[in-house]
Protein backbone atom coordinates (compact mmCIF):
# COMPACT_ATOMS: atom_id res chain seq x y z
CA MET A 1 10.72 -9.11 -9.21
CA THR A 2 7.24 -10.26 -8.27
CA ASP A 3 4.92 -7.47 -7.25
CA ALA A 4 3.11 -7.56 -3.91
CA PRO A 5 -0.06 -9.68 -4.11
CA GLU A 6 -3.44 -8.06 -4.17
CA PRO A 7 -5.39 -7.78 -0.88
CA GLU A 8 -7.47 -10.84 -0.01
CA SER A 9 -10.70 -8.89 -0.26
CA SER A 10 -12.05 -5.41 -0.72
CA GLN A 11 -12.95 -5.42 2.97
CA ASP A 12 -9.26 -5.04 3.88
CA THR A 13 -9.26 -1.33 2.99
CA GLU A 14 -11.73 1.50 3.45
CA ALA A 15 -12.73 3.90 0.69
CA ASN A 16 -10.04 6.35 1.86
CA GLY A 17 -7.34 3.74 1.34
CA LEU A 18 -6.71 3.15 5.04
CA PRO A 19 -6.83 -0.36 6.48
CA SER A 20 -10.27 -1.20 7.80
CA ASP A 21 -11.18 -2.20 11.34
CA ASP A 22 -11.39 -5.80 10.17
CA PHE A 23 -7.73 -6.30 11.09
CA HIS A 24 -5.62 -4.45 13.67
CA VAL A 25 -1.90 -3.74 13.74
CA PHE A 26 -1.32 -2.73 17.35
CA ASP A 27 2.11 -1.41 18.41
CA THR A 28 3.28 -1.52 22.03
CA THR A 29 6.87 -0.28 21.62
CA LEU A 30 6.28 2.63 23.99
CA ARG A 31 4.98 0.36 26.73
CA ASP A 32 6.09 -3.27 26.41
CA GLY A 33 9.06 -2.52 24.14
CA ALA A 34 10.39 0.03 26.62
CA GLN A 35 10.88 -2.79 29.14
CA ARG A 36 13.90 -4.03 27.19
CA GLU A 37 17.15 -3.90 29.13
CA GLY A 38 19.14 -0.89 27.96
CA ILE A 39 16.15 1.17 26.79
CA ASN A 40 15.20 4.20 28.87
CA LEU A 41 12.86 6.49 26.96
CA THR A 42 12.30 10.13 27.78
CA VAL A 43 8.96 11.76 27.04
CA ALA A 44 10.57 13.42 24.00
CA ASP A 45 11.78 9.99 22.82
CA LYS A 46 8.29 8.55 23.16
CA LEU A 47 6.75 11.42 21.21
CA THR A 48 9.29 10.96 18.41
CA ILE A 49 8.71 7.21 18.20
CA ALA A 50 4.94 7.74 18.22
CA ARG A 51 5.29 10.06 15.21
CA HIS A 52 7.36 7.44 13.36
CA LEU A 53 4.81 4.72 14.09
CA ASP A 54 1.92 6.91 13.00
CA ASP A 55 3.81 7.76 9.82
CA PHE A 56 4.31 4.02 9.20
CA GLY A 57 0.55 3.56 9.43
CA VAL A 58 -0.08 1.24 12.38
CA GLY A 59 -3.64 1.33 13.63
CA PHE A 60 -2.99 1.62 17.36
CA ILE A 61 -0.10 2.96 19.45
CA GLU A 62 -0.02 1.94 23.10
CA GLY A 63 1.62 4.89 24.82
CA GLY A 64 2.13 3.58 28.34
CA TRP A 65 0.41 3.34 31.70
CA PRO A 66 -0.98 6.75 32.73
CA GLY A 67 -1.02 7.21 36.49
CA ALA A 68 1.63 4.53 37.03
CA ASN A 69 4.52 6.99 36.59
CA PRO A 70 4.85 10.73 35.85
CA ARG A 71 6.57 10.15 32.50
CA ASP A 72 3.67 8.20 30.99
CA THR A 73 1.15 10.65 32.39
CA GLU A 74 3.05 13.54 30.78
CA PHE A 75 3.31 11.66 27.50
CA PHE A 76 -0.47 11.41 27.16
CA GLN A 77 -0.89 15.08 28.07
CA ARG A 78 1.62 16.17 25.43
CA ALA A 79 0.64 13.67 22.74
CA ARG A 80 -2.90 15.07 22.65
CA THR A 81 -1.65 18.51 21.60
CA GLU A 82 1.75 17.85 19.98
CA ILE A 83 0.94 14.96 17.64
CA GLY A 84 -1.66 15.20 14.91
CA PHE A 85 -2.27 11.49 14.44
CA ARG A 86 -3.13 10.68 10.82
CA HIS A 87 -3.35 6.90 10.94
CA ALA A 88 -3.10 5.63 14.50
CA GLN A 89 -5.29 5.85 17.58
CA LEU A 90 -3.57 6.41 20.92
CA VAL A 91 -4.06 3.66 23.50
CA ALA A 92 -3.70 3.87 27.27
CA PHE A 93 -2.74 0.73 29.19
CA GLY A 94 -3.87 -0.19 32.68
CA ALA A 95 -5.34 -2.88 34.92
CA THR A 96 -8.84 -3.87 35.86
CA ARG A 97 -10.19 -2.52 39.14
CA LYS A 98 -8.64 -3.82 42.34
CA ALA A 99 -10.29 -6.67 44.18
CA GLY A 100 -12.94 -5.43 46.60
CA VAL A 101 -12.91 -1.87 45.21
CA ARG A 102 -15.81 -0.27 43.28
CA VAL A 103 -14.68 0.53 39.76
CA GLU A 104 -15.91 4.12 40.16
CA ASP A 105 -13.58 4.52 43.16
CA ASP A 106 -10.44 2.95 41.63
CA ALA A 107 -7.80 5.66 41.18
CA GLN A 108 -5.95 3.77 38.50
CA VAL A 109 -9.11 3.38 36.39
CA ALA A 110 -9.71 7.11 36.83
CA ALA A 111 -6.21 7.82 35.52
CA LEU A 112 -7.02 5.88 32.36
CA LEU A 113 -9.99 8.13 31.72
CA GLU A 114 -7.99 11.25 32.55
CA SER A 115 -5.48 10.34 29.83
CA GLN A 116 -8.28 11.06 27.33
CA ALA A 117 -7.02 8.21 25.15
CA PRO A 118 -9.86 7.01 22.89
CA VAL A 119 -8.81 3.37 23.34
CA ILE A 120 -7.91 1.57 26.58
CA THR A 121 -6.18 -1.77 26.95
CA LEU A 122 -6.84 -3.55 30.21
CA VAL A 123 -4.63 -6.32 31.51
CA ALA A 124 -6.38 -9.13 33.38
CA LYS A 125 -5.43 -12.46 34.85
CA SER A 126 -6.56 -15.55 32.96
CA HIS A 127 -4.37 -18.05 34.81
CA VAL A 128 -6.22 -19.28 37.91
CA ARG A 129 -3.02 -19.67 39.98
CA HIS A 130 -2.05 -16.08 39.19
CA VAL A 131 -5.51 -15.00 40.32
CA GLU A 132 -5.12 -16.77 43.65
CA LEU A 133 -1.40 -16.13 44.30
CA ALA A 134 -0.70 -12.76 42.64
CA LEU A 135 -4.06 -11.00 42.96
CA ARG A 136 -4.91 -12.86 46.18
CA THR A 137 -8.55 -13.07 45.28
CA THR A 138 -11.05 -15.64 44.09
CA PRO A 139 -11.66 -16.73 40.48
CA ASP A 140 -15.21 -15.33 40.67
CA GLU A 141 -14.02 -11.93 41.93
CA ASN A 142 -11.47 -11.79 39.09
CA LEU A 143 -14.27 -12.31 36.58
CA ALA A 144 -16.26 -9.54 38.27
CA MET A 145 -13.23 -7.23 38.08
CA VAL A 146 -13.02 -7.85 34.33
CA ALA A 147 -16.73 -7.38 33.70
CA ASP A 148 -17.08 -4.25 35.87
CA THR A 149 -14.05 -2.45 34.42
CA VAL A 150 -14.79 -3.19 30.78
CA ALA A 151 -18.45 -2.18 31.12
CA TYR A 152 -17.60 1.01 33.04
CA LEU A 153 -15.04 2.19 30.49
CA ARG A 154 -17.39 1.41 27.63
CA ALA A 155 -20.09 3.46 29.35
CA GLN A 156 -17.60 6.35 29.46
CA GLY A 157 -17.28 6.19 25.67
CA ARG A 158 -13.95 4.34 25.45
CA ARG A 159 -13.11 1.48 23.15
CA VAL A 160 -11.70 -1.39 25.22
CA PHE A 161 -9.28 -4.19 24.44
CA LEU A 162 -8.48 -6.77 27.12
CA ASP A 163 -5.09 -8.51 27.42
CA CYS A 164 -5.40 -11.96 29.00
CA GLU A 165 -2.05 -12.22 30.75
CA HIS A 166 -0.42 -15.69 30.86
CA PHE A 167 -3.32 -16.98 28.78
CA PHE A 168 -1.65 -19.99 27.17
CA ASP A 169 -0.12 -21.24 30.42
CA GLY A 170 -3.44 -20.65 32.18
CA TYR A 171 -5.29 -22.49 29.43
CA ALA A 172 -3.00 -25.50 29.85
CA LEU A 173 -3.82 -25.58 33.58
CA ASP A 174 -7.54 -24.82 33.48
CA PRO A 175 -8.95 -24.29 29.96
CA ALA A 176 -12.50 -23.75 31.20
CA TYR A 177 -11.53 -20.83 33.42
CA ALA A 178 -9.24 -19.25 30.81
CA LYS A 179 -12.08 -19.33 28.28
CA GLN A 180 -14.49 -17.91 30.85
CA VAL A 181 -12.27 -14.83 31.23
CA VAL A 182 -12.40 -14.36 27.45
CA ARG A 183 -16.16 -14.82 27.37
CA THR A 184 -16.71 -12.45 30.30
CA ALA A 185 -14.66 -9.66 28.71
CA SER A 186 -16.36 -10.03 25.35
CA GLU A 187 -19.85 -10.05 26.82
CA ALA A 188 -19.04 -6.93 28.89
CA GLY A 189 -18.15 -5.05 25.72
CA ALA A 190 -14.45 -5.60 25.01
CA ASP A 191 -13.92 -5.20 21.27
CA VAL A 192 -10.92 -7.54 21.23
CA VAL A 193 -9.68 -10.10 23.74
CA VAL A 194 -5.93 -10.62 23.35
CA LEU A 195 -4.39 -13.99 24.18
CA CYS A 196 -0.97 -13.32 25.68
CA ASP A 197 1.98 -15.71 25.65
CA THR A 198 3.49 -13.76 28.53
CA ASN A 199 6.28 -16.24 29.28
CA GLY A 200 7.03 -16.70 25.57
CA GLY A 201 7.17 -20.46 25.84
CA MET A 202 4.70 -21.47 23.12
CA LEU A 203 5.32 -22.91 19.66
CA PRO A 204 3.31 -22.15 16.50
CA ALA A 205 1.29 -25.36 16.35
CA GLN A 206 0.30 -24.96 20.00
CA VAL A 207 -0.75 -21.35 19.51
CA ALA A 208 -2.82 -22.16 16.43
CA ALA A 209 -4.63 -25.02 18.18
CA VAL A 210 -5.53 -22.92 21.24
CA VAL A 211 -6.64 -19.88 19.25
CA ARG A 212 -8.80 -22.01 16.99
CA THR A 213 -10.50 -23.70 19.96
CA VAL A 214 -11.04 -20.50 21.98
CA LEU A 215 -12.47 -18.75 18.93
CA ALA A 216 -14.93 -21.56 18.32
CA ASP A 217 -15.94 -21.89 21.99
CA THR A 218 -16.32 -18.19 22.88
CA GLY A 219 -17.17 -16.37 19.66
CA ALA A 220 -15.02 -13.44 20.86
CA ARG A 221 -12.85 -11.38 18.54
CA LEU A 222 -9.30 -12.52 19.37
CA GLY A 223 -5.87 -10.94 19.24
CA ILE A 224 -2.37 -12.28 19.89
CA HIS A 225 0.50 -10.94 22.00
CA ALA A 226 3.63 -13.11 21.74
CA GLN A 227 6.94 -12.87 23.58
CA ASP A 228 10.03 -14.28 21.86
CA ASP A 229 11.57 -16.56 24.48
CA THR A 230 11.50 -19.57 22.13
CA GLY A 231 12.50 -17.47 19.12
CA CYS A 232 9.00 -18.03 17.72
CA ALA A 233 7.17 -14.76 18.45
CA VAL A 234 6.71 -13.78 14.81
CA ALA A 235 5.81 -17.35 13.82
CA ASN A 236 3.41 -17.60 16.77
CA THR A 237 1.76 -14.33 15.77
CA LEU A 238 1.23 -15.52 12.21
CA ALA A 239 0.02 -18.92 13.43
CA ALA A 240 -2.62 -17.11 15.50
CA VAL A 241 -3.68 -15.15 12.42
CA ASP A 242 -3.98 -18.43 10.50
CA ALA A 243 -6.24 -19.70 13.29
CA GLY A 244 -8.52 -16.65 13.18
CA ALA A 245 -6.94 -13.84 15.25
CA THR A 246 -7.55 -10.41 13.70
CA HIS A 247 -5.48 -8.25 16.02
CA VAL A 248 -1.66 -8.50 16.33
CA GLN A 249 0.36 -6.81 19.06
CA CYS A 250 4.01 -6.15 18.20
CA THR A 251 6.94 -3.87 18.97
CA ALA A 252 9.36 -2.10 16.64
CA ASN A 253 12.43 -4.27 16.01
CA GLY A 254 11.10 -6.81 18.51
CA TYR A 255 12.10 -4.71 21.53
CA GLY A 256 10.76 -5.96 24.85
CA GLU A 257 11.43 -7.62 28.15
CA ARG A 258 13.92 -10.51 28.29
CA VAL A 259 14.56 -11.47 24.65
CA GLY A 260 11.76 -9.31 23.30
CA ASN A 261 8.35 -9.31 21.64
CA SER A 262 6.94 -10.17 18.25
CA ASN A 263 8.72 -7.91 15.75
CA LEU A 264 6.39 -5.43 14.05
CA PHE A 265 8.27 -5.24 10.76
CA PRO A 266 8.45 -8.90 9.68
CA VAL A 267 4.88 -9.42 10.89
CA VAL A 268 3.55 -6.55 8.79
CA ALA A 269 5.72 -7.50 5.80
CA ALA A 270 4.47 -11.10 5.98
CA LEU A 271 0.85 -10.00 6.24
CA GLU A 272 1.16 -7.66 3.25
CA LEU A 273 3.50 -9.64 1.00
CA LYS A 274 2.81 -13.27 1.92
CA TYR A 275 -0.83 -13.15 3.02
CA GLY A 276 -1.91 -10.43 0.60
CA ARG A 277 -3.63 -8.54 3.41
CA ALA A 278 -3.52 -4.73 3.24
CA VAL A 279 -2.77 -3.76 6.86
CA LEU A 280 -0.99 -0.44 6.18
CA PRO A 281 -2.06 2.60 4.16
CA PRO A 282 -1.00 2.41 0.51
CA GLY A 283 2.71 3.04 -0.07
CA LYS A 284 3.70 2.72 3.57
CA LEU A 285 5.28 -0.74 3.35
CA ALA A 286 8.16 0.80 1.40
CA GLU A 287 8.92 2.87 4.52
CA THR A 288 9.62 -0.27 6.60
CA THR A 289 13.42 -0.11 6.59
CA ARG A 290 13.54 3.65 7.20
CA ILE A 291 11.13 3.49 10.13
CA SER A 292 12.95 0.52 11.68
CA HIS A 293 16.30 2.30 11.57
CA ALA A 294 14.86 5.64 12.71
CA ILE A 295 13.38 4.08 15.85
CA ALA A 296 16.65 2.24 16.53
CA GLU A 297 18.41 5.61 16.47
CA VAL A 298 15.94 7.09 18.97
CA VAL A 299 16.41 4.24 21.47
CA ASN A 300 20.18 4.41 20.87
CA LEU A 301 20.58 0.78 19.81
CA THR A 302 22.51 -0.21 16.71
CA PRO A 303 20.09 -1.64 14.12
CA SER A 304 20.43 -5.39 13.78
CA THR A 305 22.27 -6.04 10.51
CA HIS A 306 20.64 -9.46 10.10
CA GLN A 307 17.04 -8.54 10.93
CA PRO A 308 14.60 -9.95 8.35
CA TYR A 309 13.41 -7.52 5.68
CA VAL A 310 15.12 -4.40 7.13
CA GLY A 311 18.67 -5.44 8.07
CA VAL A 312 21.49 -4.23 5.85
CA SER A 313 22.40 -7.90 5.35
CA ALA A 314 18.85 -9.05 4.63
CA PHE A 315 19.50 -8.97 0.88
CA ALA A 316 23.31 -9.21 0.90
CA HIS A 317 24.91 -11.94 -1.20
CA LYS A 318 28.41 -13.27 -0.72
CA ALA A 319 28.87 -16.68 -2.33
CA GLY A 320 29.99 -16.75 -5.95
CA LEU A 321 27.30 -19.32 -6.81
CA HIS A 322 24.59 -16.97 -5.54
CA ALA A 323 26.05 -14.04 -7.45
CA SER A 324 26.08 -15.99 -10.72
CA ALA A 325 22.41 -16.82 -10.30
CA ILE A 326 21.46 -13.30 -9.22
CA LYS A 327 23.19 -11.89 -12.29
CA VAL A 328 20.68 -13.90 -14.35
CA ASP A 329 17.61 -13.26 -12.16
CA PRO A 330 17.59 -11.79 -8.59
CA ASP A 331 14.44 -13.80 -7.78
CA LEU A 332 16.53 -16.97 -7.76
CA TYR A 333 18.07 -16.10 -4.37
CA GLN A 334 15.68 -13.48 -2.94
CA HIS A 335 12.20 -14.14 -1.59
CA ILE A 336 10.97 -10.59 -2.38
CA ASP A 337 12.13 -7.47 -4.17
CA PRO A 338 14.00 -5.53 -1.42
CA ALA A 339 12.49 -2.27 -2.67
CA LEU A 340 9.05 -3.39 -1.47
CA VAL A 341 10.24 -2.84 2.12
CA GLY A 342 12.59 0.04 1.35
CA ASN A 343 15.77 -2.05 1.39
CA THR A 344 18.37 -2.76 -1.29
CA MET A 345 20.29 -5.72 -2.61
CA ARG A 346 24.01 -5.71 -1.84
CA MET A 347 26.88 -7.76 -3.20
CA LEU A 348 29.61 -8.64 -0.72
CA VAL A 349 33.18 -9.00 -1.92
CA SER A 350 35.29 -11.60 -0.15
CA ASP A 351 37.61 -14.52 -0.83
CA MET A 352 34.45 -16.43 -1.78
CA ALA A 353 33.80 -13.99 -4.62
CA GLY A 354 33.71 -15.09 -8.22
CA ARG A 355 33.58 -13.09 -11.42
CA ALA A 356 29.84 -12.50 -11.14
CA SER A 357 30.22 -11.09 -7.62
CA ILE A 358 32.87 -8.62 -8.77
CA GLU A 359 30.88 -7.53 -11.82
CA LEU A 360 27.70 -7.03 -9.80
CA LYS A 361 29.56 -5.18 -7.05
CA GLY A 362 31.14 -2.91 -9.63
CA LYS A 363 27.73 -2.16 -11.07
CA GLU A 364 26.43 -1.43 -7.54
CA LEU A 365 29.30 1.08 -7.14
CA GLY A 366 28.55 2.68 -10.51
CA ILE A 367 31.54 1.13 -12.30
CA ASP A 368 30.86 -0.91 -15.43
CA LEU A 369 33.56 -3.52 -15.87
CA GLY A 370 32.39 -4.07 -19.42
CA GLY A 371 32.73 -7.83 -19.34
CA ASP A 372 36.54 -7.56 -19.33
CA ARG A 373 37.37 -11.09 -18.21
CA GLU A 374 41.08 -10.38 -17.74
CA LEU A 375 40.41 -7.30 -15.60
CA VAL A 376 37.73 -9.04 -13.53
CA GLY A 377 40.02 -12.03 -13.06
CA ARG A 378 42.80 -9.76 -11.74
CA VAL A 379 40.42 -8.16 -9.27
CA VAL A 380 39.17 -11.56 -8.07
CA GLU A 381 42.71 -12.81 -7.51
CA ARG A 382 43.77 -9.61 -5.78
CA VAL A 383 40.78 -9.74 -3.44
CA LYS A 384 41.49 -13.36 -2.56
CA GLU A 385 45.18 -12.61 -1.95
CA ARG A 386 44.40 -9.60 0.23
CA GLU A 387 41.76 -11.46 2.23
CA SER A 388 44.26 -14.26 2.89
CA GLN A 389 46.40 -11.56 4.52
CA GLY A 390 43.55 -10.48 6.78
CA TYR A 391 41.71 -7.79 4.80
CA THR A 392 37.92 -7.91 4.60
CA TYR A 393 36.09 -6.05 1.86
CA GLU A 394 32.54 -7.11 2.64
CA ALA A 395 32.65 -4.60 5.52
CA ALA A 396 34.76 -2.00 3.68
CA ASP A 397 33.12 -1.01 0.40
CA ALA A 398 35.19 2.17 0.13
CA SER A 399 38.49 0.32 0.29
CA PHE A 400 37.22 -2.15 -2.32
CA GLU A 401 36.20 0.66 -4.67
CA LEU A 402 39.67 2.20 -4.35
CA LEU A 403 41.21 -1.22 -5.12
CA LEU A 404 38.92 -1.61 -8.12
CA ARG A 405 39.78 1.85 -9.40
CA ASP A 406 43.46 1.11 -8.98
CA GLU A 407 43.11 -1.96 -11.23
CA LEU A 408 41.07 0.03 -13.75
CA GLU A 409 43.75 2.75 -13.81
CA ARG A 410 46.40 0.11 -14.44
CA ASP A 411 44.22 -1.18 -17.26
CA GLY A 412 43.83 2.33 -18.65
CA ALA A 413 40.06 2.34 -18.21
CA LEU A 414 39.93 5.33 -15.85
CA GLY A 415 43.03 7.24 -16.83
CA ARG A 416 44.00 8.14 -13.27
CA ALA A 417 43.65 6.38 -9.94
CA ALA A 418 42.10 8.08 -6.91
CA LYS A 419 45.44 9.41 -5.64
CA PHE A 420 45.16 12.81 -4.03
CA PHE A 421 48.33 12.77 -1.95
CA ARG A 422 51.48 10.69 -1.59
CA VAL A 423 52.81 9.84 1.85
CA GLU A 424 56.55 10.17 2.40
CA SER A 425 56.47 9.04 6.03
CA TRP A 426 54.49 9.22 9.23
CA ARG A 427 55.34 8.86 12.90
CA ALA A 428 53.27 8.53 16.09
CA ILE A 429 54.72 9.00 19.58
CA VAL A 430 53.15 8.08 22.92
CA GLU A 431 54.89 9.70 25.89
CA ASP A 432 54.37 8.29 29.38
CA ARG A 433 54.76 11.21 31.80
CA PRO A 434 55.79 11.02 35.47
CA ASP A 435 52.38 12.21 36.65
CA GLY A 436 50.72 9.18 35.04
CA THR A 437 49.30 11.03 32.03
CA HIS A 438 50.14 10.35 28.40
CA ALA A 439 50.91 12.66 25.50
CA ASN A 440 50.17 11.53 21.94
CA GLU A 441 51.84 13.31 19.05
CA ALA A 442 52.00 12.48 15.34
CA THR A 443 53.95 13.88 12.40
CA VAL A 444 53.17 13.24 8.75
CA LYS A 445 55.28 14.09 5.72
CA LEU A 446 53.45 13.99 2.41
CA TRP A 447 53.16 15.46 -1.07
CA ALA A 448 49.97 17.01 -2.51
CA LYS A 449 49.63 18.99 -5.74
CA GLY A 450 53.40 19.18 -6.09
CA GLU A 451 53.93 20.58 -2.59
CA ARG A 452 55.83 18.87 0.21
CA ILE A 453 53.95 19.16 3.51
CA VAL A 454 55.10 18.44 7.04
CA ALA A 455 52.43 18.58 9.72
CA THR A 456 52.38 17.76 13.44
CA ALA A 457 49.40 17.45 15.80
CA GLU A 458 48.46 16.09 19.21
CA GLY A 459 45.48 13.88 19.98
CA ASN A 460 43.81 11.82 22.68
CA GLY A 461 45.49 8.72 21.27
CA PRO A 462 48.05 7.91 18.57
CA VAL A 463 45.41 7.28 15.90
CA ASN A 464 43.56 10.49 16.74
CA ALA A 465 46.89 12.35 16.58
CA LEU A 466 47.58 10.90 13.10
CA ASP A 467 44.09 11.87 11.97
CA ARG A 468 44.60 15.44 13.18
CA ALA A 469 48.06 15.69 11.63
CA LEU A 470 46.68 14.54 8.29
CA ARG A 471 43.96 17.19 8.52
CA VAL A 472 46.45 19.91 9.43
CA GLY A 473 48.52 18.98 6.41
CA LEU A 474 45.77 18.62 3.83
CA GLU A 475 42.82 20.87 4.71
CA ARG A 476 44.53 23.97 3.27
CA ILE A 477 44.85 22.21 -0.09
CA TYR A 478 41.63 20.21 0.14
CA PRO A 479 39.10 22.26 2.16
CA GLN A 480 36.50 19.56 1.46
CA LEU A 481 38.15 17.51 4.24
CA ALA A 482 36.67 19.85 6.86
CA ARG A 483 33.32 18.07 6.39
CA ILE A 484 34.79 14.62 6.93
CA GLU A 485 34.53 13.04 10.36
CA LEU A 486 35.50 9.62 11.74
CA VAL A 487 32.47 8.05 13.43
CA ASP A 488 33.60 4.52 14.33
CA TYR A 489 36.85 2.64 14.88
CA LYS A 490 37.12 -1.12 15.34
CA VAL A 491 40.20 -3.22 16.04
CA ARG A 492 40.35 -6.99 15.75
CA ILE A 493 43.26 -9.33 16.49
CA LEU A 494 43.07 -11.97 13.78
CA GLU A 495 42.95 -15.65 14.57
CA GLY A 496 45.98 -17.83 13.95
CA ARG A 497 48.51 -15.50 15.52
CA GLN A 498 49.23 -14.89 19.18
CA GLY A 499 50.76 -12.30 21.42
CA THR A 500 51.82 -8.75 20.70
CA GLY A 501 53.17 -9.71 17.28
CA SER A 502 49.79 -10.81 15.93
CA ILE A 503 48.14 -9.46 12.79
CA THR A 504 45.68 -6.62 13.47
CA ARG A 505 42.74 -5.52 11.32
CA VAL A 506 41.28 -2.03 11.69
CA LEU A 507 37.92 -0.90 10.28
CA ILE A 508 37.13 2.81 10.22
CA SER A 509 33.73 4.37 9.43
CA THR A 510 33.72 7.94 8.13
CA THR A 511 31.00 10.42 7.21
CA ASP A 512 30.75 13.69 5.30
CA GLY A 513 27.27 14.45 6.64
CA ASN A 514 25.57 13.07 3.54
CA GLY A 515 26.69 9.47 3.72
CA GLU A 516 28.95 7.01 5.50
CA TRP A 517 31.71 4.72 4.22
CA SER A 518 34.05 2.12 5.68
CA THR A 519 37.72 1.40 5.05
CA VAL A 520 40.11 -1.33 6.19
CA GLY A 521 43.77 -1.64 7.11
CA VAL A 522 45.82 -4.70 8.11
CA ALA A 523 49.33 -4.83 9.63
CA GLU A 524 51.29 -6.35 12.48
CA ASN A 525 51.22 -2.89 14.06
CA VAL A 526 47.83 -1.52 15.09
CA ILE A 527 48.96 2.03 14.29
CA ALA A 528 50.12 1.01 10.82
CA ALA A 529 46.81 -0.76 10.17
CA SER A 530 44.98 2.36 11.35
CA TRP A 531 47.04 4.53 9.03
CA GLN A 532 46.07 2.40 6.02
CA ALA A 533 42.37 2.72 6.88
CA LEU A 534 42.77 6.48 7.44
CA ASP A 535 44.58 6.91 4.12
CA ASP A 536 41.72 5.14 2.29
CA ALA A 537 39.07 7.06 4.26
CA TYR A 538 40.46 10.45 3.20
CA ALA A 539 41.05 9.38 -0.41
CA TYR A 540 37.50 8.08 -0.72
CA GLY A 541 36.07 11.19 0.94
CA LEU A 542 37.79 13.40 -1.63
CA LEU A 543 36.56 11.14 -4.42
CA ARG A 544 32.99 11.51 -3.09
CA ALA A 545 33.45 15.27 -2.97
CA GLY A 546 34.22 15.32 -6.69
CA VAL A 547 37.85 16.37 -6.30
CA GLN A 548 40.00 15.43 -9.30
CA PRO A 549 42.97 13.15 -8.50
CA GLN A 550 46.40 14.65 -9.07
CA GLU A 551 48.54 13.62 -12.01
């Protein structure tokens, strides 16, 4: 794999290895990102995310709007004493003074100072119609509001950034006024003036042209804040950098209002790996995937599997043609080495798989197929046959490994298959009671280590009852099962069949506290399909625990 390119110049990093002030990575997950539908952060959540972002190495973390709500005010109070920032500076967000009010008398400006944040971001109108209709003031008074507030906060020892809200739309309507807002902020002492695509309607070429012109006409240091309504937020951010912006505002995983903001992780990865610009402390880029997933866990949103750089599918390969090429050289179908961003390459096994896919997947699972063409051919044909029946192994690595081991055992390569118990029969009963409640009971009859076991259990559904019955029967013989827990259960009615007699596929995710695996079952009966997935889940869990299969 090609190593990351060297930084563009020695000015990109300070002597201590940290990125210099020449370029800013500014994160607004805790403020703008929190406006995403479905996200509701507690103060504890915000503190945790701030620690993750500081650990990642961003330069600035916008914590919220102190004084606007008690939660953000508390966050700044606690962050000062509970977080020892190593890389980032904490930023408070707020507005310029109100029209007709002295800046010294504006309560909201006072709240910004009371937050004790070393950096303050002010939002200001740069769209003349917003000035007249939303602020209900004159264009000249809006400029005075910008100048007064920036100068006052600078005099109080704060570093100031100014967000020009609706800048690109305002520029299209009245470019002279939009540029005057930029010029006024810069001359009053704002370190960076951020051009905001608040409605998210811009395209990269448009952004680049406007940034280039504003930079030339004002001489201000410019930043970019892009919303993703056209699906171009990351591209727009990079286009602004190409045009001369040296400050990028992003959110973790692209969280934000409507469809979201510019995604921090692909922006940073592009800057480091494609532009050769060191914007994170050394070694931190490899933490990209971990940080992305950790923040997703805090906000309680499932990480996007197809997110660039950090998604579990970002370097997953399915087609046999791709696998053949990757077997020769992974660079042929990957734009970077996944390890650079803390991710890994994965081979997916499906009915599209060829010999190379199976061999590479085996190697990924720690099983060397040794170039046995006959064995690999059998596995390929078995996978294709099973997938034609409705199975899917690209989402069920554990079931595929058990299938592979079964073929290896038949071939004599492993000696014994992963068979820890043999099922004689199972039964699940759902009883509809007169009071409207339901009782679910399951009985399993099986053999383990030469002993016949009959176990019965109740559950909150037939599948849960089967799971409990299996535990009751096996935990005495295999105590390792006590650590195993089912964490997800998905049912899909497969296309091509209709009604209650259709084919059903069940995917079950299981964990032992140290890792997670997925298994699949397919049958005309949803309970039978669930049983297959359960059977594989327990067998694989025992295999992971190092238990020896029975003779």
